[in-house]
Amino acid sequence: MILVNTEYIPDKELELLGMVKGQSIRAKHVGRDIGNMLKNLVGGELTSYTEMMNESRALATKRMVEEAEGLGADAVINIRYNSSQIMQGAAEILVYGTAVKFK
C-alpha cells in the first residue's frame, strides 16, 4: 500500500474509490501524568506523551489502511492527520485520505 500526502502519484493514473479514515483515542496513564507535570516545571520533552501520540498515530494509520484495503485500493493519497483533546487527559488522532486504485 502506497501512502502519500500529495494529490497524485507520479506516473500513475488513478481511479478514486473514496475517503478512508482511521481513528485512535488514548488516555494518559496517571503515574506518567504526575511525572510529566513535574517535568513541565523544569522543561524538556515529555517522552511518554510523545510515545503515546506516536502509538496512537500508528494505530490510526493502520485502521485507515485496513479500510482502504477493504475497498481494493492500491494507495491512499492526500493523507492528513488531525489531533484533538476529547476530554481532560484523553486525545484523539484522526487520519484520513482518498483511497485510489491504479488504472
N, C-alpha and C. Protein backbone atom coordinates (compact mmCIF):
# COMPACT_ATOMS: atom_id res chain seq x y z
N MET A 1 0.87 -1.18 0.00
CA MET A 1 0.00 0.00 0.00
C MET A 1 0.90 1.23 0.00
N ILE A 2 0.66 2.12 -0.95
CA ILE A 2 1.39 3.38 -1.02
C ILE A 2 0.59 4.43 -0.26
N LEU A 3 1.26 5.17 0.60
CA LEU A 3 0.63 6.23 1.39
C LEU A 3 1.37 7.53 1.11
N VAL A 4 0.66 8.54 0.61
CA VAL A 4 1.28 9.83 0.31
C VAL A 4 0.38 10.98 0.75
N ASN A 5 1.00 12.13 0.99
CA ASN A 5 0.21 13.31 1.35
C ASN A 5 0.05 14.25 0.16
N THR A 6 0.32 13.75 -1.04
CA THR A 6 0.13 14.53 -2.26
C THR A 6 -1.18 14.13 -2.93
N GLU A 7 -1.62 14.93 -3.91
CA GLU A 7 -2.88 14.66 -4.58
C GLU A 7 -2.73 13.69 -5.74
N TYR A 8 -1.52 13.24 -6.00
CA TYR A 8 -1.27 12.33 -7.11
C TYR A 8 -0.03 11.49 -6.81
N ILE A 9 0.16 10.47 -7.61
CA ILE A 9 1.37 9.65 -7.55
C ILE A 9 1.99 9.73 -8.94
N PRO A 10 3.23 10.20 -9.05
CA PRO A 10 3.84 10.37 -10.36
C PRO A 10 3.75 9.10 -11.21
N ASP A 11 3.44 9.29 -12.49
CA ASP A 11 3.38 8.21 -13.48
C ASP A 11 2.28 7.19 -13.22
N LYS A 12 1.28 7.54 -12.42
CA LYS A 12 0.17 6.62 -12.15
C LYS A 12 -1.14 7.32 -12.50
N GLU A 13 -1.99 6.60 -13.23
CA GLU A 13 -3.33 7.09 -13.48
C GLU A 13 -4.22 6.48 -12.40
N LEU A 14 -5.01 7.31 -11.74
CA LEU A 14 -5.74 6.89 -10.55
C LEU A 14 -7.24 6.86 -10.76
N GLU A 15 -7.86 5.85 -10.18
CA GLU A 15 -9.32 5.77 -10.07
C GLU A 15 -9.65 6.02 -8.60
N LEU A 16 -10.45 7.05 -8.34
CA LEU A 16 -10.80 7.39 -6.96
C LEU A 16 -11.84 6.41 -6.42
N LEU A 17 -11.58 5.87 -5.23
CA LEU A 17 -12.51 4.94 -4.60
C LEU A 17 -13.31 5.58 -3.48
N GLY A 18 -12.79 6.63 -2.90
CA GLY A 18 -13.50 7.31 -1.82
C GLY A 18 -12.61 7.61 -0.62
N MET A 19 -13.17 8.35 0.30
CA MET A 19 -12.43 8.72 1.50
C MET A 19 -12.34 7.55 2.46
N VAL A 20 -11.19 7.41 3.08
CA VAL A 20 -10.99 6.41 4.13
C VAL A 20 -10.41 7.12 5.34
N LYS A 21 -10.63 6.54 6.52
CA LYS A 21 -10.15 7.18 7.74
C LYS A 21 -9.80 6.13 8.79
N GLY A 22 -9.02 6.55 9.73
CA GLY A 22 -8.69 5.74 10.90
C GLY A 22 -8.66 6.65 12.11
N GLN A 23 -8.93 6.10 13.26
CA GLN A 23 -9.05 6.91 14.47
C GLN A 23 -8.52 6.13 15.66
N SER A 24 -7.94 6.85 16.59
CA SER A 24 -7.50 6.26 17.85
C SER A 24 -7.64 7.31 18.94
N ILE A 25 -8.18 6.89 20.06
CA ILE A 25 -8.31 7.77 21.22
C ILE A 25 -7.55 7.13 22.37
N ARG A 26 -6.67 7.88 22.96
CA ARG A 26 -5.83 7.37 24.05
C ARG A 26 -5.95 8.28 25.26
N ALA A 27 -5.87 7.65 26.43
CA ALA A 27 -5.87 8.39 27.69
C ALA A 27 -4.48 8.30 28.31
N LYS A 28 -4.14 9.31 29.07
CA LYS A 28 -2.86 9.34 29.75
C LYS A 28 -2.87 8.41 30.96
N HIS A 29 -1.74 7.83 31.25
CA HIS A 29 -1.54 7.00 32.44
C HIS A 29 -1.31 7.94 33.62
N VAL A 30 -2.04 7.75 34.70
CA VAL A 30 -1.98 8.67 35.85
C VAL A 30 -0.56 8.78 36.39
N GLY A 31 0.14 7.66 36.52
CA GLY A 31 1.52 7.70 37.02
C GLY A 31 2.43 8.52 36.13
N ARG A 32 2.30 8.32 34.83
CA ARG A 32 3.11 9.10 33.88
C ARG A 32 2.71 10.56 33.91
N ASP A 33 1.43 10.82 34.11
CA ASP A 33 0.93 12.19 34.12
C ASP A 33 1.56 12.98 35.26
N ILE A 34 1.70 12.37 36.42
CA ILE A 34 2.32 13.05 37.57
C ILE A 34 3.78 13.38 37.25
N GLY A 35 4.48 12.40 36.67
CA GLY A 35 5.88 12.64 36.28
C GLY A 35 6.01 13.73 35.24
N ASN A 36 5.09 13.76 34.30
CA ASN A 36 5.13 14.79 33.27
C ASN A 36 4.79 16.17 33.81
N MET A 37 3.93 16.24 34.83
CA MET A 37 3.63 17.54 35.45
C MET A 37 4.89 18.09 36.11
N LEU A 38 5.66 17.21 36.77
CA LEU A 38 6.91 17.66 37.39
C LEU A 38 7.91 18.10 36.33
N LYS A 39 8.00 17.34 35.23
CA LYS A 39 8.93 17.68 34.16
C LYS A 39 8.53 19.00 33.51
N ASN A 40 7.24 19.28 33.48
CA ASN A 40 6.76 20.53 32.91
C ASN A 40 7.31 21.73 33.67
N LEU A 41 7.59 21.56 34.94
CA LEU A 41 8.13 22.65 35.75
C LEU A 41 9.57 22.99 35.37
N VAL A 42 10.35 21.98 35.00
CA VAL A 42 11.77 22.20 34.69
C VAL A 42 12.06 22.24 33.20
N GLY A 43 11.10 21.83 32.39
CA GLY A 43 11.27 21.86 30.94
C GLY A 43 11.78 20.54 30.39
N GLY A 44 11.71 20.40 29.09
CA GLY A 44 12.18 19.19 28.42
C GLY A 44 11.04 18.46 27.74
N GLU A 45 11.42 17.47 26.94
CA GLU A 45 10.42 16.70 26.21
C GLU A 45 9.66 15.77 27.13
N LEU A 46 8.37 15.70 26.93
CA LEU A 46 7.51 14.78 27.68
C LEU A 46 7.47 13.48 26.88
N THR A 47 8.49 12.65 27.05
CA THR A 47 8.68 11.48 26.19
C THR A 47 7.54 10.48 26.27
N SER A 48 6.92 10.33 27.42
CA SER A 48 5.81 9.37 27.50
C SER A 48 4.61 9.84 26.68
N TYR A 49 4.40 11.16 26.61
CA TYR A 49 3.33 11.69 25.76
C TYR A 49 3.68 11.53 24.29
N THR A 50 4.94 11.78 23.96
CA THR A 50 5.40 11.61 22.58
C THR A 50 5.18 10.16 22.15
N GLU A 51 5.55 9.24 23.01
CA GLU A 51 5.37 7.81 22.73
C GLU A 51 3.89 7.47 22.57
N MET A 52 3.05 8.01 23.45
CA MET A 52 1.62 7.75 23.37
C MET A 52 1.04 8.26 22.05
N MET A 53 1.44 9.45 21.63
CA MET A 53 0.92 10.01 20.38
C MET A 53 1.44 9.25 19.17
N ASN A 54 2.70 8.82 19.20
CA ASN A 54 3.25 8.03 18.09
C ASN A 54 2.51 6.70 17.95
N GLU A 55 2.24 6.04 19.07
CA GLU A 55 1.49 4.77 19.04
C GLU A 55 0.08 4.99 18.51
N SER A 56 -0.54 6.06 18.95
CA SER A 56 -1.90 6.37 18.52
C SER A 56 -1.94 6.68 17.02
N ARG A 57 -0.95 7.44 16.53
CA ARG A 57 -0.87 7.75 15.09
C ARG A 57 -0.69 6.48 14.27
N ALA A 58 0.19 5.58 14.74
CA ALA A 58 0.43 4.32 14.03
C ALA A 58 -0.84 3.46 13.98
N LEU A 59 -1.58 3.40 15.07
CA LEU A 59 -2.81 2.61 15.11
C LEU A 59 -3.87 3.22 14.19
N ALA A 60 -4.02 4.54 14.21
CA ALA A 60 -4.99 5.20 13.34
C ALA A 60 -4.64 4.97 11.87
N THR A 61 -3.35 5.04 11.54
CA THR A 61 -2.91 4.80 10.15
C THR A 61 -3.21 3.37 9.74
N LYS A 62 -2.94 2.42 10.63
CA LYS A 62 -3.22 1.01 10.35
C LYS A 62 -4.71 0.81 10.06
N ARG A 63 -5.56 1.44 10.83
CA ARG A 63 -7.01 1.31 10.64
C ARG A 63 -7.45 1.93 9.30
N MET A 64 -6.82 3.05 8.93
CA MET A 64 -7.14 3.66 7.64
C MET A 64 -6.72 2.74 6.49
N VAL A 65 -5.53 2.15 6.59
CA VAL A 65 -5.04 1.24 5.55
C VAL A 65 -5.97 0.03 5.43
N GLU A 66 -6.41 -0.51 6.55
CA GLU A 66 -7.33 -1.65 6.52
C GLU A 66 -8.64 -1.29 5.81
N GLU A 67 -9.14 -0.09 6.05
CA GLU A 67 -10.36 0.35 5.37
C GLU A 67 -10.11 0.49 3.87
N ALA A 68 -8.96 1.03 3.49
CA ALA A 68 -8.61 1.18 2.07
C ALA A 68 -8.45 -0.18 1.40
N GLU A 69 -7.81 -1.12 2.08
CA GLU A 69 -7.66 -2.47 1.53
C GLU A 69 -9.03 -3.13 1.31
N GLY A 70 -9.96 -2.85 2.19
CA GLY A 70 -11.31 -3.39 2.05
C GLY A 70 -12.02 -2.88 0.79
N LEU A 71 -11.60 -1.72 0.31
CA LEU A 71 -12.15 -1.16 -0.93
C LEU A 71 -11.37 -1.63 -2.16
N GLY A 72 -10.28 -2.38 -1.94
CA GLY A 72 -9.45 -2.83 -3.05
C GLY A 72 -8.45 -1.78 -3.51
N ALA A 73 -8.09 -0.86 -2.64
CA ALA A 73 -7.19 0.24 -3.00
C ALA A 73 -5.74 -0.22 -3.15
N ASP A 74 -5.03 0.47 -4.02
CA ASP A 74 -3.59 0.28 -4.18
C ASP A 74 -2.81 1.33 -3.39
N ALA A 75 -3.48 2.45 -3.08
CA ALA A 75 -2.80 3.55 -2.40
C ALA A 75 -3.83 4.43 -1.71
N VAL A 76 -3.32 5.28 -0.82
CA VAL A 76 -4.13 6.34 -0.22
C VAL A 76 -3.37 7.64 -0.46
N ILE A 77 -4.05 8.59 -1.08
CA ILE A 77 -3.42 9.87 -1.39
C ILE A 77 -4.02 10.97 -0.52
N ASN A 78 -3.32 12.12 -0.52
CA ASN A 78 -3.80 13.31 0.18
C ASN A 78 -4.08 13.04 1.66
N ILE A 79 -3.18 12.30 2.31
CA ILE A 79 -3.36 11.92 3.71
C ILE A 79 -3.17 13.13 4.62
N ARG A 80 -4.04 13.25 5.59
CA ARG A 80 -3.97 14.32 6.58
C ARG A 80 -4.19 13.73 7.98
N TYR A 81 -3.49 14.32 8.95
CA TYR A 81 -3.64 13.93 10.35
C TYR A 81 -4.22 15.09 11.13
N ASN A 82 -5.03 14.75 12.12
CA ASN A 82 -5.63 15.75 12.98
C ASN A 82 -5.62 15.20 14.41
N SER A 83 -5.33 16.04 15.36
CA SER A 83 -5.40 15.60 16.76
C SER A 83 -6.22 16.62 17.54
N SER A 84 -6.90 16.11 18.55
CA SER A 84 -7.70 16.99 19.40
C SER A 84 -7.86 16.37 20.77
N GLN A 85 -8.09 17.22 21.74
CA GLN A 85 -8.35 16.76 23.09
C GLN A 85 -9.84 16.42 23.19
N ILE A 86 -10.13 15.19 23.60
CA ILE A 86 -11.52 14.75 23.72
C ILE A 86 -12.09 15.17 25.08
N MET A 87 -11.30 14.93 26.10
CA MET A 87 -11.65 15.29 27.48
C MET A 87 -10.34 15.47 28.22
N GLN A 88 -10.40 15.89 29.45
CA GLN A 88 -9.18 16.07 30.23
C GLN A 88 -8.41 14.75 30.29
N GLY A 89 -7.20 14.75 29.75
CA GLY A 89 -6.36 13.55 29.83
C GLY A 89 -6.54 12.56 28.69
N ALA A 90 -7.33 12.89 27.67
CA ALA A 90 -7.52 11.96 26.54
C ALA A 90 -7.43 12.73 25.23
N ALA A 91 -6.72 12.13 24.26
CA ALA A 91 -6.54 12.76 22.96
C ALA A 91 -6.97 11.83 21.84
N GLU A 92 -7.46 12.42 20.77
CA GLU A 92 -7.87 11.66 19.59
C GLU A 92 -6.91 11.98 18.45
N ILE A 93 -6.53 10.94 17.71
CA ILE A 93 -5.81 11.11 16.46
C ILE A 93 -6.74 10.63 15.36
N LEU A 94 -6.93 11.45 14.35
CA LEU A 94 -7.73 11.09 13.19
C LEU A 94 -6.84 11.23 11.96
N VAL A 95 -6.82 10.20 11.12
CA VAL A 95 -6.10 10.26 9.86
C VAL A 95 -7.09 9.95 8.75
N TYR A 96 -7.00 10.68 7.65
CA TYR A 96 -7.92 10.44 6.54
C TYR A 96 -7.23 10.75 5.22
N GLY A 97 -7.75 10.16 4.18
CA GLY A 97 -7.21 10.38 2.85
C GLY A 97 -8.16 9.79 1.81
N THR A 98 -7.73 9.78 0.57
CA THR A 98 -8.54 9.26 -0.52
C THR A 98 -7.96 7.95 -1.02
N ALA A 99 -8.75 6.89 -0.94
CA ALA A 99 -8.33 5.58 -1.44
C ALA A 99 -8.39 5.60 -2.96
N VAL A 100 -7.35 5.06 -3.61
CA VAL A 100 -7.30 5.02 -5.08
C VAL A 100 -6.84 3.66 -5.56
N LYS A 101 -7.22 3.37 -6.77
CA LYS A 101 -6.78 2.15 -7.45
C LYS A 101 -6.04 2.59 -8.70
N PHE A 102 -4.97 1.87 -9.05
CA PHE A 102 -4.23 2.20 -10.26
C PHE A 102 -4.98 1.69 -11.48
N LYS A 103 -5.06 2.52 -12.53
CA LYS A 103 -5.71 2.11 -13.78
C LYS A 103 -4.73 1.35 -14.63
